[in-house]
Amino acid sequence: MAKGKSKSGAGKDSGATDRHVYREFGPADPMARGVPDRPPNQQTVRVQVSRKGRGGKTVTVITGFQHSPDSLAALAKQLKAQCGTGGTAREDSIEIQGDHAQKLVELLVAKGYQAKRSGG
């Protein structure tokens, strides 16, 4: 190691975490969306089965939610438990592993959502 360099990075502002140079819109935290939790009866969600971009694996995708990320994650956990499979909560959608479209439509209608089956 050369004489003028140090490992600790002295001279750099190592405590700064916000390294944005330019941000025109949105909050500082991209996960802090300003979406209010709307009641289920005011939301129309679409349920479809997809295999595109997933290496041939079948996934049931539910889109159209208007929930905060925490509420969406809690709903995804309930739906995954009802189907007995894995999945994830994305920005405004839930992905459940496998073809569970009919079962998920029934579960969402029972919870008060206006659920529709989309696609083939």
C-alpha atoms as a PDB file:
ATOM      1  CA  MET A   1       0.000   0.000   0.000  1.00  0.00           C
ATOM      2  CA  ALA A   2       1.324   3.461  -0.862  1.00  0.00           C
ATOM      3  CA  LYS A   3       2.187   5.938   1.898  1.00  0.00           C
ATOM      4  CA  GLY A   4      -0.469   8.582   1.133  1.00  0.00           C
ATOM      5  CA  LYS A   5      -3.483   6.247   1.191  1.00  0.00           C
ATOM      6  CA  SER A   6      -5.363   4.871   4.144  1.00  0.00           C
ATOM      7  CA  LYS A   7      -7.871   2.044   4.399  1.00  0.00           C
ATOM      8  CA  SER A   8     -10.356   3.888   6.602  1.00  0.00           C
ATOM      9  CA  GLY A   9     -11.223   6.470   3.976  1.00  0.00           C
ATOM     10  CA  ALA A  10     -10.225   9.449   6.104  1.00  0.00           C
ATOM     11  CA  GLY A  11     -10.963  12.630   4.238  1.00  0.00           C
ATOM     12  CA  LYS A  12     -14.165  11.244   2.728  1.00  0.00           C
ATOM     13  CA  ASP A  13     -17.543  11.879   4.281  1.00  0.00           C
ATOM     14  CA  SER A  14     -18.176   8.268   5.291  1.00  0.00           C
ATOM     15  CA  GLY A  15     -21.247   9.129   7.416  1.00  0.00           C
ATOM     16  CA  ALA A  16     -23.374  10.422   4.532  1.00  0.00           C
ATOM     17  CA  THR A  17     -25.896   7.928   3.179  1.00  0.00           C
ATOM     18  CA  ASP A  18     -27.888  10.179   0.823  1.00  0.00           C
ATOM     19  CA  ARG A  19     -25.737  10.328  -2.268  1.00  0.00           C
ATOM     20  CA  HIS A  20     -28.407  11.608  -4.677  1.00  0.00           C
ATOM     21  CA  VAL A  21     -27.112  14.199  -7.065  1.00  0.00           C
ATOM     22  CA  TYR A  22     -30.503  15.081  -8.546  1.00  0.00           C
ATOM     23  CA  ARG A  23     -34.052  14.030  -7.688  1.00  0.00           C
ATOM     24  CA  GLU A  24     -36.948  15.880  -9.263  1.00  0.00           C
ATOM     25  CA  PHE A  25     -39.983  13.999  -7.951  1.00  0.00           C
ATOM     26  CA  GLY A  26     -40.885  11.701  -5.109  1.00  0.00           C
ATOM     27  CA  PRO A  27     -39.884  11.207  -1.495  1.00  0.00           C
ATOM     28  CA  ALA A  28     -36.329  10.564  -0.374  1.00  0.00           C
ATOM     29  CA  ASP A  29     -37.249   6.947   0.395  1.00  0.00           C
ATOM     30  CA  PRO A  30     -38.635   5.244  -2.750  1.00  0.00           C
ATOM     31  CA  MET A  31     -40.468   2.704  -0.592  1.00  0.00           C
ATOM     32  CA  ALA A  32     -42.417   5.446   1.201  1.00  0.00           C
ATOM     33  CA  ARG A  33     -45.243   5.728  -1.291  1.00  0.00           C
ATOM     34  CA  GLY A  34     -48.026   8.136  -0.473  1.00  0.00           C
ATOM     35  CA  VAL A  35     -50.755   5.628  -1.336  1.00  0.00           C
ATOM     36  CA  PRO A  36     -53.639   5.625   1.108  1.00  0.00           C
ATOM     37  CA  ASP A  37     -55.175   2.298   2.087  1.00  0.00           C
ATOM     38  CA  ARG A  38     -58.463   2.175   0.232  1.00  0.00           C
ATOM     39  CA  PRO A  39     -61.169  -0.193   1.474  1.00  0.00           C
ATOM     40  CA  PRO A  40     -61.350  -3.512  -0.401  1.00  0.00           C
ATOM     41  CA  ASN A  41     -64.812  -2.803  -1.835  1.00  0.00           C
ATOM     42  CA  GLN A  42     -63.392   0.253  -3.669  1.00  0.00           C
ATOM     43  CA  GLN A  43     -60.609  -1.721  -5.389  1.00  0.00           C
ATOM     44  CA  THR A  44     -60.834  -3.733  -8.584  1.00  0.00           C
ATOM     45  CA  VAL A  45     -58.009  -6.240  -8.822  1.00  0.00           C
ATOM     46  CA  ARG A  46     -57.084  -8.500 -11.729  1.00  0.00           C
ATOM     47  CA  VAL A  47     -55.842 -12.067 -11.337  1.00  0.00           C
ATOM     48  CA  GLN A  48     -53.864 -13.652 -14.152  1.00  0.00           C
ATOM     49  CA  VAL A  49     -51.496 -16.556 -14.675  1.00  0.00           C
ATOM     50  CA  SER A  50     -48.130 -15.759 -16.231  1.00  0.00           C
ATOM     51  CA  ARG A  51     -44.923 -17.553 -17.201  1.00  0.00           C
ATOM     52  CA  LYS A  52     -43.113 -14.776 -19.041  1.00  0.00           C
ATOM     53  CA  GLY A  53     -39.652 -13.915 -17.766  1.00  0.00           C
ATOM     54  CA  ARG A  54     -39.687 -16.552 -15.042  1.00  0.00           C
ATOM     55  CA  GLY A  55     -37.814 -19.416 -16.640  1.00  0.00           C
ATOM     56  CA  GLY A  56     -41.003 -21.357 -17.469  1.00  0.00           C
ATOM     57  CA  LYS A  57     -42.305 -21.274 -13.890  1.00  0.00           C
ATOM     58  CA  THR A  58     -46.030 -20.548 -13.517  1.00  0.00           C
ATOM     59  CA  VAL A  59     -46.937 -17.590 -11.310  1.00  0.00           C
ATOM     60  CA  THR A  60     -50.329 -16.112 -10.469  1.00  0.00           C
ATOM     61  CA  VAL A  61     -50.121 -12.303 -10.520  1.00  0.00           C
ATOM     62  CA  ILE A  62     -52.691 -10.102  -8.787  1.00  0.00           C
ATOM     63  CA  THR A  63     -52.511  -6.434  -9.837  1.00  0.00           C
ATOM     64  CA  GLY A  64     -54.389  -3.235  -9.076  1.00  0.00           C
ATOM     65  CA  PHE A  65     -53.953  -2.932  -5.321  1.00  0.00           C
ATOM     66  CA  GLN A  66     -54.009   0.489  -3.695  1.00  0.00           C
ATOM     67  CA  HIS A  67     -52.410  -0.287  -0.353  1.00  0.00           C
ATOM     68  CA  SER A  68     -49.334   0.786   1.548  1.00  0.00           C
ATOM     69  CA  PRO A  69     -46.379  -1.630   1.245  1.00  0.00           C
ATOM     70  CA  ASP A  70     -46.964  -2.961   4.787  1.00  0.00           C
ATOM     71  CA  SER A  71     -50.648  -3.717   4.162  1.00  0.00           C
ATOM     72  CA  LEU A  72     -49.824  -5.324   0.831  1.00  0.00           C
ATOM     73  CA  ALA A  73     -47.187  -7.551   2.464  1.00  0.00           C
ATOM     74  CA  ALA A  74     -49.677  -8.633   5.151  1.00  0.00           C
ATOM     75  CA  LEU A  75     -52.307  -9.485   2.519  1.00  0.00           C
ATOM     76  CA  ALA A  76     -49.705 -11.410   0.498  1.00  0.00           C
ATOM     77  CA  LYS A  77     -48.807 -13.428   3.583  1.00  0.00           C
ATOM     78  CA  GLN A  78     -52.471 -14.368   4.125  1.00  0.00           C
ATOM     79  CA  LEU A  79     -52.968 -15.377   0.491  1.00  0.00           C
ATOM     80  CA  LYS A  80     -49.765 -17.431   0.428  1.00  0.00           C
ATOM     81  CA  ALA A  81     -50.885 -19.287   3.555  1.00  0.00           C
ATOM     82  CA  GLN A  82     -54.315 -20.012   2.036  1.00  0.00           C
ATOM     83  CA  CYS A  83     -52.700 -21.414  -1.129  1.00  0.00           C
ATOM     84  CA  GLY A  84     -49.943 -23.249   0.734  1.00  0.00           C
ATOM     85  CA  THR A  85     -47.203 -21.837  -1.461  1.00  0.00           C
ATOM     86  CA  GLY A  86     -44.637 -19.062  -1.706  1.00  0.00           C
ATOM     87  CA  GLY A  87     -44.805 -15.683  -3.337  1.00  0.00           C
ATOM     88  CA  THR A  88     -43.941 -12.027  -2.974  1.00  0.00           C
ATOM     89  CA  ALA A  89     -45.450  -8.555  -2.769  1.00  0.00           C
ATOM     90  CA  ARG A  90     -44.174  -6.155  -5.421  1.00  0.00           C
ATOM     91  CA  GLU A  91     -44.947  -2.430  -5.875  1.00  0.00           C
ATOM     92  CA  ASP A  92     -48.701  -2.685  -6.469  1.00  0.00           C
ATOM     93  CA  SER A  93     -49.072  -6.406  -7.128  1.00  0.00           C
ATOM     94  CA  ILE A  94     -48.780  -9.788  -5.452  1.00  0.00           C
ATOM     95  CA  GLU A  95     -47.150 -12.805  -7.084  1.00  0.00           C
ATOM     96  CA  ILE A  96     -48.131 -16.280  -5.873  1.00  0.00           C
ATOM     97  CA  GLN A  97     -46.156 -19.305  -7.081  1.00  0.00           C
ATOM     98  CA  GLY A  98     -48.194 -21.769  -9.127  1.00  0.00           C
ATOM     99  CA  ASP A  99     -51.568 -21.642 -10.880  1.00  0.00           C
ATOM    100  CA  HIS A 100     -54.011 -20.593  -8.132  1.00  0.00           C
ATOM    101  CA  ALA A 101     -56.101 -18.086 -10.104  1.00  0.00           C
ATOM    102  CA  GLN A 102     -59.561 -19.516  -9.375  1.00  0.00           C
ATOM    103  CA  LYS A 103     -58.850 -20.008  -5.665  1.00  0.00           C
ATOM    104  CA  LEU A 104     -57.400 -16.493  -5.330  1.00  0.00           C
ATOM    105  CA  VAL A 105     -60.430 -14.915  -7.034  1.00  0.00           C
ATOM    106  CA  GLU A 106     -62.692 -16.674  -4.531  1.00  0.00           C
ATOM    107  CA  LEU A 107     -60.522 -15.628  -1.568  1.00  0.00           C
ATOM    108  CA  LEU A 108     -60.343 -11.994  -2.687  1.00  0.00           C
ATOM    109  CA  VAL A 109     -64.105 -11.789  -3.287  1.00  0.00           C
ATOM    110  CA  ALA A 110     -64.637 -13.234   0.227  1.00  0.00           C
ATOM    111  CA  LYS A 111     -62.387 -10.462   1.604  1.00  0.00           C
ATOM    112  CA  GLY A 112     -64.502  -7.833  -0.159  1.00  0.00           C
ATOM    113  CA  TYR A 113     -62.369  -7.042  -3.237  1.00  0.00           C
ATOM    114  CA  GLN A 114     -63.846  -6.758  -6.707  1.00  0.00           C
ATOM    115  CA  ALA A 115     -61.667  -9.464  -8.260  1.00  0.00           C
ATOM    116  CA  LYS A 116     -61.721 -10.417 -11.929  1.00  0.00           C
ATOM    117  CA  ARG A 117     -59.878 -13.169 -13.751  1.00  0.00           C
ATOM    118  CA  SER A 118     -57.788 -11.743 -16.567  1.00  0.00           C
ATOM    119  CA  GLY A 119     -56.151 -13.501 -19.498  1.00  0.00           C
ATOM    120  CA  GLY A 120     -56.652 -17.117 -20.622  1.00  0.00           C
END
